[in-house]
Amino acid sequence: MRYYPENLRSQAVVWLWKVRDLIVTGVLTVLGLLLFSATGEGLFAVIGVAYGILTVQAEEVTVMDFIVWGARYFLLDQERFEWRMRDEA
């Protein structure tokens, strides 16, 4: 099932994912399963599934968006405060 964007400027969504996120999730999961069958290490398959879970959309926002916003607010962007004296009238 494919949902077309209402305003035709937003990205196309397949089920609950953007098309790009669905492709990345599929590629990561397939590569992870191939590595799991070759080496017995399932870490990369788990990474693919975790990426898929983090990119599920609910009303144009994903869990990964919240994580990125939180990292920017708390870790990456500098807060700037300016202290001034009030003009006494």
PDB file of N, CA and C in Angstrom:
ATOM      1  N   MET A   1       0.848  -1.163   0.000  1.00  0.00           N
ATOM      2  CA  MET A   1       0.000   0.000   0.000  1.00  0.00           C
ATOM      3  C   MET A   1       0.898   1.233   0.000  1.00  0.00           C
ATOM      4  N   ARG A   2       0.606   2.168  -0.846  1.00  0.00           N
ATOM      5  CA  ARG A   2       1.417   3.375  -0.975  1.00  0.00           C
ATOM      6  C   ARG A   2       0.554   4.594  -0.679  1.00  0.00           C
ATOM      7  N   TYR A   3       1.057   5.461   0.183  1.00  0.00           N
ATOM      8  CA  TYR A   3       0.351   6.694   0.512  1.00  0.00           C
ATOM      9  C   TYR A   3       1.038   7.847  -0.204  1.00  0.00           C
ATOM     10  N   TYR A   4       0.278   8.599  -0.951  1.00  0.00           N
ATOM     11  CA  TYR A   4       0.842   9.747  -1.643  1.00  0.00           C
ATOM     12  C   TYR A   4       0.737  10.967  -0.741  1.00  0.00           C
ATOM     13  N   PRO A   5       1.762  11.819  -0.773  1.00  0.00           N
ATOM     14  CA  PRO A   5       1.710  13.012   0.081  1.00  0.00           C
ATOM     15  C   PRO A   5       0.601  13.949  -0.363  1.00  0.00           C
ATOM     16  N   GLU A   6       0.021  14.616   0.619  1.00  0.00           N
ATOM     17  CA  GLU A   6      -1.106  15.500   0.323  1.00  0.00           C
ATOM     18  C   GLU A   6      -0.681  16.748  -0.427  1.00  0.00           C
ATOM     19  N   ASN A   7       0.478  17.312  -0.066  1.00  0.00           N
ATOM     20  CA  ASN A   7       0.875  18.559  -0.695  1.00  0.00           C
ATOM     21  C   ASN A   7       1.885  18.356  -1.824  1.00  0.00           C
ATOM     22  N   LEU A   8       2.230  17.141  -2.146  1.00  0.00           N
ATOM     23  CA  LEU A   8       3.139  16.749  -3.220  1.00  0.00           C
ATOM     24  C   LEU A   8       4.557  17.288  -3.047  1.00  0.00           C
ATOM     25  N   ARG A   9       4.872  17.886  -1.917  1.00  0.00           N
ATOM     26  CA  ARG A   9       6.245  18.302  -1.632  1.00  0.00           C
ATOM     27  C   ARG A   9       6.887  17.393  -0.599  1.00  0.00           C
ATOM     28  N   SER A  10       6.099  16.722   0.191  1.00  0.00           N
ATOM     29  CA  SER A  10       6.671  15.807   1.173  1.00  0.00           C
ATOM     30  C   SER A  10       7.020  14.489   0.488  1.00  0.00           C
ATOM     31  N   GLN A  11       7.784  13.667   1.177  1.00  0.00           N
ATOM     32  CA  GLN A  11       8.267  12.429   0.584  1.00  0.00           C
ATOM     33  C   GLN A  11       7.183  11.360   0.601  1.00  0.00           C
ATOM     34  N   ALA A  12       7.275  10.446  -0.375  1.00  0.00           N
ATOM     35  CA  ALA A  12       6.318   9.344  -0.457  1.00  0.00           C
ATOM     36  C   ALA A  12       6.552   8.368   0.687  1.00  0.00           C
ATOM     37  N   VAL A  13       5.472   7.774   1.178  1.00  0.00           N
ATOM     38  CA  VAL A  13       5.526   6.868   2.319  1.00  0.00           C
ATOM     39  C   VAL A  13       4.956   5.521   1.904  1.00  0.00           C
ATOM     40  N   VAL A  14       5.680   4.448   2.247  1.00  0.00           N
ATOM     41  CA  VAL A  14       5.211   3.085   2.032  1.00  0.00           C
ATOM     42  C   VAL A  14       4.979   2.488   3.413  1.00  0.00           C
ATOM     43  N   TRP A  15       3.773   2.059   3.680  1.00  0.00           N
ATOM     44  CA  TRP A  15       3.339   1.613   4.998  1.00  0.00           C
ATOM     45  C   TRP A  15       3.622   2.693   6.023  1.00  0.00           C
ATOM     46  N   LEU A  16       4.599   2.526   6.891  1.00  0.00           N
ATOM     47  CA  LEU A  16       4.895   3.537   7.907  1.00  0.00           C
ATOM     48  C   LEU A  16       6.286   4.143   7.749  1.00  0.00           C
ATOM     49  N   TRP A  17       6.952   3.900   6.616  1.00  0.00           N
ATOM     50  CA  TRP A  17       8.309   4.378   6.398  1.00  0.00           C
ATOM     51  C   TRP A  17       8.393   5.227   5.146  1.00  0.00           C
ATOM     52  N   LYS A  18       9.357   6.160   5.136  1.00  0.00           N
ATOM     53  CA  LYS A  18       9.703   6.836   3.896  1.00  0.00           C
ATOM     54  C   LYS A  18      10.368   5.795   3.000  1.00  0.00           C
ATOM     55  N   VAL A  19      10.303   5.985   1.719  1.00  0.00           N
ATOM     56  CA  VAL A  19      10.847   5.005   0.783  1.00  0.00           C
ATOM     57  C   VAL A  19      12.342   4.816   1.021  1.00  0.00           C
ATOM     58  N   ARG A  20      13.068   5.904   1.237  1.00  0.00           N
ATOM     59  CA  ARG A  20      14.510   5.819   1.488  1.00  0.00           C
ATOM     60  C   ARG A  20      14.800   4.986   2.734  1.00  0.00           C
ATOM     61  N   ASP A  21      14.052   5.214   3.823  1.00  0.00           N
ATOM     62  CA  ASP A  21      14.269   4.471   5.060  1.00  0.00           C
ATOM     63  C   ASP A  21      13.927   2.999   4.890  1.00  0.00           C
ATOM     64  N   LEU A  22      12.911   2.699   4.108  1.00  0.00           N
ATOM     65  CA  LEU A  22      12.546   1.308   3.859  1.00  0.00           C
ATOM     66  C   LEU A  22      13.641   0.588   3.082  1.00  0.00           C
ATOM     67  N   ILE A  23      14.239   1.263   2.111  1.00  0.00           N
ATOM     68  CA  ILE A  23      15.322   0.658   1.336  1.00  0.00           C
ATOM     69  C   ILE A  23      16.552   0.435   2.211  1.00  0.00           C
ATOM     70  N   VAL A  24      16.912   1.433   3.022  1.00  0.00           N
ATOM     71  CA  VAL A  24      18.069   1.295   3.910  1.00  0.00           C
ATOM     72  C   VAL A  24      17.842   0.169   4.906  1.00  0.00           C
ATOM     73  N   THR A  25      16.650   0.075   5.475  1.00  0.00           N
ATOM     74  CA  THR A  25      16.324  -0.990   6.420  1.00  0.00           C
ATOM     75  C   THR A  25      16.434  -2.355   5.759  1.00  0.00           C
ATOM     76  N   GLY A  26      15.898  -2.471   4.558  1.00  0.00           N
ATOM     77  CA  GLY A  26      15.969  -3.747   3.842  1.00  0.00           C
ATOM     78  C   GLY A  26      17.396  -4.156   3.523  1.00  0.00           C
ATOM     79  N   VAL A  27      18.204  -3.211   3.055  1.00  0.00           N
ATOM     80  CA  VAL A  27      19.597  -3.522   2.716  1.00  0.00           C
ATOM     81  C   VAL A  27      20.382  -3.904   3.965  1.00  0.00           C
ATOM     82  N   LEU A  28      20.236  -3.143   5.045  1.00  0.00           N
ATOM     83  CA  LEU A  28      20.936  -3.458   6.293  1.00  0.00           C
ATOM     84  C   LEU A  28      20.525  -4.829   6.837  1.00  0.00           C
ATOM     85  N   THR A  29      19.246  -5.130   6.782  1.00  0.00           N
ATOM     86  CA  THR A  29      18.765  -6.404   7.309  1.00  0.00           C
ATOM     87  C   THR A  29      19.263  -7.566   6.460  1.00  0.00           C
ATOM     88  N   VAL A  30      19.214  -7.434   5.130  1.00  0.00           N
ATOM     89  CA  VAL A  30      19.698  -8.514   4.260  1.00  0.00           C
ATOM     90  C   VAL A  30      21.199  -8.722   4.446  1.00  0.00           C
ATOM     91  N   LEU A  31      21.975  -7.630   4.479  1.00  0.00           N
ATOM     92  CA  LEU A  31      23.408  -7.771   4.719  1.00  0.00           C
ATOM     93  C   LEU A  31      23.685  -8.383   6.085  1.00  0.00           C
ATOM     94  N   GLY A  32      22.912  -7.981   7.079  1.00  0.00           N
ATOM     95  CA  GLY A  32      23.070  -8.548   8.415  1.00  0.00           C
ATOM     96  C   GLY A  32      22.760 -10.030   8.454  1.00  0.00           C
ATOM     97  N   LEU A  33      21.716 -10.437   7.725  1.00  0.00           N
ATOM     98  CA  LEU A  33      21.391 -11.871   7.683  1.00  0.00           C
ATOM     99  C   LEU A  33      22.451 -12.662   6.932  1.00  0.00           C
ATOM    100  N   LEU A  34      23.006 -12.082   5.866  1.00  0.00           N
ATOM    101  CA  LEU A  34      24.093 -12.759   5.148  1.00  0.00           C
ATOM    102  C   LEU A  34      25.325 -12.899   6.040  1.00  0.00           C
ATOM    103  N   LEU A  35      25.672 -11.850   6.769  1.00  0.00           N
ATOM    104  CA  LEU A  35      26.798 -11.947   7.699  1.00  0.00           C
ATOM    105  C   LEU A  35      26.510 -12.919   8.838  1.00  0.00           C
ATOM    106  N   PHE A  36      25.276 -12.961   9.278  1.00  0.00           N
ATOM    107  CA  PHE A  36      24.906 -13.906  10.334  1.00  0.00           C
ATOM    108  C   PHE A  36      25.053 -15.348   9.861  1.00  0.00           C
ATOM    109  N   SER A  37      24.637 -15.608   8.624  1.00  0.00           N
ATOM    110  CA  SER A  37      24.758 -16.977   8.115  1.00  0.00           C
ATOM    111  C   SER A  37      26.218 -17.353   7.873  1.00  0.00           C
ATOM    112  N   ALA A  38      27.074 -16.382   7.572  1.00  0.00           N
ATOM    113  CA  ALA A  38      28.481 -16.680   7.308  1.00  0.00           C
ATOM    114  C   ALA A  38      29.313 -16.765   8.580  1.00  0.00           C
ATOM    115  N   THR A  39      29.038 -15.874   9.537  1.00  0.00           N
ATOM    116  CA  THR A  39      29.900 -15.801  10.718  1.00  0.00           C
ATOM    117  C   THR A  39      29.210 -16.205  12.015  1.00  0.00           C
ATOM    118  N   GLY A  40      27.901 -16.199  12.049  1.00  0.00           N
ATOM    119  CA  GLY A  40      27.189 -16.504  13.288  1.00  0.00           C
ATOM    120  C   GLY A  40      27.019 -15.295  14.189  1.00  0.00           C
ATOM    121  N   GLU A  41      27.444 -14.126  13.736  1.00  0.00           N
ATOM    122  CA  GLU A  41      27.317 -12.885  14.512  1.00  0.00           C
ATOM    123  C   GLU A  41      26.077 -12.131  14.044  1.00  0.00           C
ATOM    124  N   GLY A  42      25.119 -11.908  14.931  1.00  0.00           N
ATOM    125  CA  GLY A  42      23.849 -11.310  14.554  1.00  0.00           C
ATOM    126  C   GLY A  42      23.738  -9.827  14.801  1.00  0.00           C
ATOM    127  N   LEU A  43      24.857  -9.156  15.095  1.00  0.00           N
ATOM    128  CA  LEU A  43      24.826  -7.739  15.431  1.00  0.00           C
ATOM    129  C   LEU A  43      24.314  -6.883  14.275  1.00  0.00           C
ATOM    130  N   PHE A  44      24.759  -7.160  13.062  1.00  0.00           N
ATOM    131  CA  PHE A  44      24.366  -6.326  11.933  1.00  0.00           C
ATOM    132  C   PHE A  44      22.891  -6.504  11.569  1.00  0.00           C
ATOM    133  N   ALA A  45      22.344  -7.675  11.764  1.00  0.00           N
ATOM    134  CA  ALA A  45      20.910  -7.870  11.539  1.00  0.00           C
ATOM    135  C   ALA A  45      20.107  -7.087  12.570  1.00  0.00           C
ATOM    136  N   VAL A  46      20.587  -7.049  13.798  1.00  0.00           N
ATOM    137  CA  VAL A  46      19.919  -6.288  14.850  1.00  0.00           C
ATOM    138  C   VAL A  46      19.981  -4.797  14.540  1.00  0.00           C
ATOM    139  N   ILE A  47      21.109  -4.331  13.996  1.00  0.00           N
ATOM    140  CA  ILE A  47      21.232  -2.919  13.629  1.00  0.00           C
ATOM    141  C   ILE A  47      20.220  -2.558  12.550  1.00  0.00           C
ATOM    142  N   GLY A  48      20.026  -3.424  11.565  1.00  0.00           N
ATOM    143  CA  GLY A  48      19.037  -3.173  10.513  1.00  0.00           C
ATOM    144  C   GLY A  48      17.623  -3.104  11.062  1.00  0.00           C
ATOM    145  N   VAL A  49      17.285  -4.014  11.939  1.00  0.00           N
ATOM    146  CA  VAL A  49      15.950  -4.016  12.534  1.00  0.00           C
ATOM    147  C   VAL A  49      15.760  -2.800  13.438  1.00  0.00           C
ATOM    148  N   ALA A  50      16.788  -2.435  14.199  1.00  0.00           N
ATOM    149  CA  ALA A  50      16.695  -1.261  15.072  1.00  0.00           C
ATOM    150  C   ALA A  50      16.514   0.009  14.244  1.00  0.00           C
ATOM    151  N   TYR A  51      17.229   0.123  13.119  1.00  0.00           N
ATOM    152  CA  TYR A  51      17.047   1.278  12.243  1.00  0.00           C
ATOM    153  C   TYR A  51      15.618   1.328  11.718  1.00  0.00           C
ATOM    154  N   GLY A  52      15.070   0.180  11.381  1.00  0.00           N
ATOM    155  CA  GLY A  52      13.686   0.129  10.911  1.00  0.00           C
ATOM    156  C   GLY A  52      12.700   0.584  11.967  1.00  0.00           C
ATOM    157  N   ILE A  53      12.938   0.206  13.202  1.00  0.00           N
ATOM    158  CA  ILE A  53      12.045   0.612  14.289  1.00  0.00           C
ATOM    159  C   ILE A  53      12.170   2.114  14.564  1.00  0.00           C
ATOM    160  N   LEU A  54      13.396   2.636  14.515  1.00  0.00           N
ATOM    161  CA  LEU A  54      13.605   4.050  14.803  1.00  0.00           C
ATOM    162  C   LEU A  54      13.069   4.971  13.714  1.00  0.00           C
ATOM    163  N   THR A  55      12.840   4.459  12.514  1.00  0.00           N
ATOM    164  CA  THR A  55      12.388   5.316  11.421  1.00  0.00           C
ATOM    165  C   THR A  55      10.906   5.148  11.097  1.00  0.00           C
ATOM    166  N   VAL A  56      10.153   4.489  11.948  1.00  0.00           N
ATOM    167  CA  VAL A  56       8.708   4.405  11.755  1.00  0.00           C
ATOM    168  C   VAL A  56       8.116   5.796  11.924  1.00  0.00           C
ATOM    169  N   GLN A  57       7.238   6.179  11.010  1.00  0.00           N
ATOM    170  CA  GLN A  57       6.663   7.526  11.044  1.00  0.00           C
ATOM    171  C   GLN A  57       5.304   7.539  11.718  1.00  0.00           C
ATOM    172  N   ALA A  58       5.097   8.545  12.522  1.00  0.00           N
ATOM    173  CA  ALA A  58       3.791   8.830  13.091  1.00  0.00           C
ATOM    174  C   ALA A  58       3.564  10.327  12.921  1.00  0.00           C
ATOM    175  N   GLU A  59       2.675  10.694  12.056  1.00  0.00           N
ATOM    176  CA  GLU A  59       2.365  12.095  11.770  1.00  0.00           C
ATOM    177  C   GLU A  59       3.607  12.884  11.361  1.00  0.00           C
ATOM    178  N   GLU A  60       4.357  12.367  10.392  1.00  0.00           N
ATOM    179  CA  GLU A  60       5.518  13.022   9.787  1.00  0.00           C
ATOM    180  C   GLU A  60       6.718  13.149  10.724  1.00  0.00           C
ATOM    181  N   VAL A  61       6.731  12.479  11.871  1.00  0.00           N
ATOM    182  CA  VAL A  61       7.841  12.541  12.816  1.00  0.00           C
ATOM    183  C   VAL A  61       8.242  11.116  13.183  1.00  0.00           C
ATOM    184  N   THR A  62       9.555  10.873  13.284  1.00  0.00           N
ATOM    185  CA  THR A  62      10.050   9.553  13.656  1.00  0.00           C
ATOM    186  C   THR A  62      10.721   9.621  15.025  1.00  0.00           C
ATOM    187  N   VAL A  63      10.968   8.456  15.593  1.00  0.00           N
ATOM    188  CA  VAL A  63      11.687   8.382  16.861  1.00  0.00           C
ATOM    189  C   VAL A  63      13.107   8.909  16.667  1.00  0.00           C
ATOM    190  N   MET A  64      13.707   8.611  15.522  1.00  0.00           N
ATOM    191  CA  MET A  64      15.059   9.087  15.242  1.00  0.00           C
ATOM    192  C   MET A  64      15.107  10.614  15.195  1.00  0.00           C
ATOM    193  N   ASP A  65      14.044  11.258  14.704  1.00  0.00           N
ATOM    194  CA  ASP A  65      13.993  12.723  14.721  1.00  0.00           C
ATOM    195  C   ASP A  65      14.079  13.256  16.143  1.00  0.00           C
ATOM    196  N   PHE A  66      13.332  12.634  17.074  1.00  0.00           N
ATOM    197  CA  PHE A  66      13.375  13.065  18.463  1.00  0.00           C
ATOM    198  C   PHE A  66      14.764  12.871  19.059  1.00  0.00           C
ATOM    199  N   ILE A  67      15.428  11.761  18.717  1.00  0.00           N
ATOM    200  CA  ILE A  67      16.778  11.510  19.223  1.00  0.00           C
ATOM    201  C   ILE A  67      17.751  12.554  18.690  1.00  0.00           C
ATOM    202  N   VAL A  68      17.650  12.872  17.398  1.00  0.00           N
ATOM    203  CA  VAL A  68      18.531  13.881  16.798  1.00  0.00           C
ATOM    204  C   VAL A  68      18.269  15.248  17.408  1.00  0.00           C
ATOM    205  N   TRP A  69      17.011  15.616  17.582  1.00  0.00           N
ATOM    206  CA  TRP A  69      16.675  16.908  18.193  1.00  0.00           C
ATOM    207  C   TRP A  69      17.211  16.997  19.609  1.00  0.00           C
ATOM    208  N   GLY A  70      17.073  15.919  20.378  1.00  0.00           N
ATOM    209  CA  GLY A  70      17.584  15.909  21.745  1.00  0.00           C
ATOM    210  C   GLY A  70      19.101  16.008  21.785  1.00  0.00           C
ATOM    211  N   ALA A  71      19.789  15.302  20.887  1.00  0.00           N
ATOM    212  CA  ALA A  71      21.252  15.381  20.849  1.00  0.00           C
ATOM    213  C   ALA A  71      21.706  16.781  20.465  1.00  0.00           C
ATOM    214  N   ARG A  72      21.009  17.402  19.526  1.00  0.00           N
ATOM    215  CA  ARG A  72      21.371  18.770  19.160  1.00  0.00           C
ATOM    216  C   ARG A  72      21.160  19.722  20.327  1.00  0.00           C
ATOM    217  N   TYR A  73      20.048  19.585  21.007  1.00  0.00           N
ATOM    218  CA  TYR A  73      19.721  20.514  22.091  1.00  0.00           C
ATOM    219  C   TYR A  73      20.672  20.343  23.276  1.00  0.00           C
ATOM    220  N   PHE A  74      20.914  19.078  23.692  1.00  0.00           N
ATOM    221  CA  PHE A  74      21.692  18.848  24.898  1.00  0.00           C
ATOM    222  C   PHE A  74      23.194  18.737  24.657  1.00  0.00           C
ATOM    223  N   LEU A  75      23.626  18.300  23.477  1.00  0.00           N
ATOM    224  CA  LEU A  75      25.039  18.017  23.275  1.00  0.00           C
ATOM    225  C   LEU A  75      25.734  18.878  22.232  1.00  0.00           C
ATOM    226  N   LEU A  76      25.073  19.200  21.137  1.00  0.00           N
ATOM    227  CA  LEU A  76      25.782  19.777  19.998  1.00  0.00           C
ATOM    228  C   LEU A  76      25.667  21.289  19.866  1.00  0.00           C
ATOM    229  N   ASP A  77      24.504  21.844  20.072  1.00  0.00           N
ATOM    230  CA  ASP A  77      24.332  23.283  19.890  1.00  0.00           C
ATOM    231  C   ASP A  77      24.651  24.031  21.176  1.00  0.00           C
ATOM    232  N   GLN A  78      25.291  25.166  21.012  1.00  0.00           N
ATOM    233  CA  GLN A  78      25.638  25.969  22.160  1.00  0.00           C
ATOM    234  C   GLN A  78      24.486  26.910  22.487  1.00  0.00           C
ATOM    235  N   GLU A  79      24.123  26.937  23.743  1.00  0.00           N
ATOM    236  CA  GLU A  79      23.113  27.877  24.196  1.00  0.00           C
ATOM    237  C   GLU A  79      23.775  29.236  24.351  1.00  0.00           C
ATOM    238  N   ARG A  80      23.076  30.273  23.970  1.00  0.00           N
ATOM    239  CA  ARG A  80      23.638  31.614  24.084  1.00  0.00           C
ATOM    240  C   ARG A  80      22.690  32.465  24.927  1.00  0.00           C
ATOM    241  N   PHE A  81      23.218  32.992  26.000  1.00  0.00           N
ATOM    242  CA  PHE A  81      22.437  33.840  26.883  1.00  0.00           C
ATOM    243  C   PHE A  81      23.076  35.219  26.911  1.00  0.00           C
ATOM    244  N   GLU A  82      22.257  36.234  26.852  1.00  0.00           N
ATOM    245  CA  GLU A  82      22.749  37.593  26.946  1.00  0.00           C
ATOM    246  C   GLU A  82      22.093  38.266  28.149  1.00  0.00           C
ATOM    247  N   TRP A  83      22.923  38.794  29.031  1.00  0.00           N
ATOM    248  CA  TRP A  83      22.433  39.477  30.214  1.00  0.00           C
ATOM    249  C   TRP A  83      22.640  40.972  30.006  1.00  0.00           C
ATOM    250  N   ARG A  84      21.580  41.709  30.177  1.00  0.00           N
ATOM    251  CA  ARG A  84      21.656  43.160  30.006  1.00  0.00           C
ATOM    252  C   ARG A  84      20.967  43.840  31.189  1.00  0.00           C
ATOM    253  N   MET A  85      21.402  45.035  31.415  1.00  0.00           N
ATOM    254  CA  MET A  85      20.742  45.845  32.415  1.00  0.00           C
ATOM    255  C   MET A  85      19.488  46.440  31.790  1.00  0.00           C
ATOM    256  N   ARG A  86      18.429  46.482  32.563  1.00  0.00           N
ATOM    257  CA  ARG A  86      17.205  47.100  32.059  1.00  0.00           C
ATOM    258  C   ARG A  86      17.355  48.592  32.043  1.00  0.00           C
ATOM    259  N   ASP A  87      16.753  49.202  31.057  1.00  0.00           N
ATOM    260  CA  ASP A  87      16.739  50.666  31.027  1.00  0.00           C
ATOM    261  C   ASP A  87      15.741  51.158  32.055  1.00  0.00           C
ATOM    262  N   GLU A  88      16.211  52.005  32.944  1.00  0.00           N
ATOM    263  CA  GLU A  88      15.315  52.533  33.963  1.00  0.00           C
ATOM    264  C   GLU A  88      14.638  53.776  33.410  1.00  0.00           C
ATOM    265  N   ALA A  89      13.337  53.760  33.420  1.00  0.00           N
ATOM    266  CA  ALA A  89      12.587  54.889  32.852  1.00  0.00           C
ATOM    267  C   ALA A  89      11.910  55.678  33.943  1.00  0.00           C
TER     268      ALA A  89
END
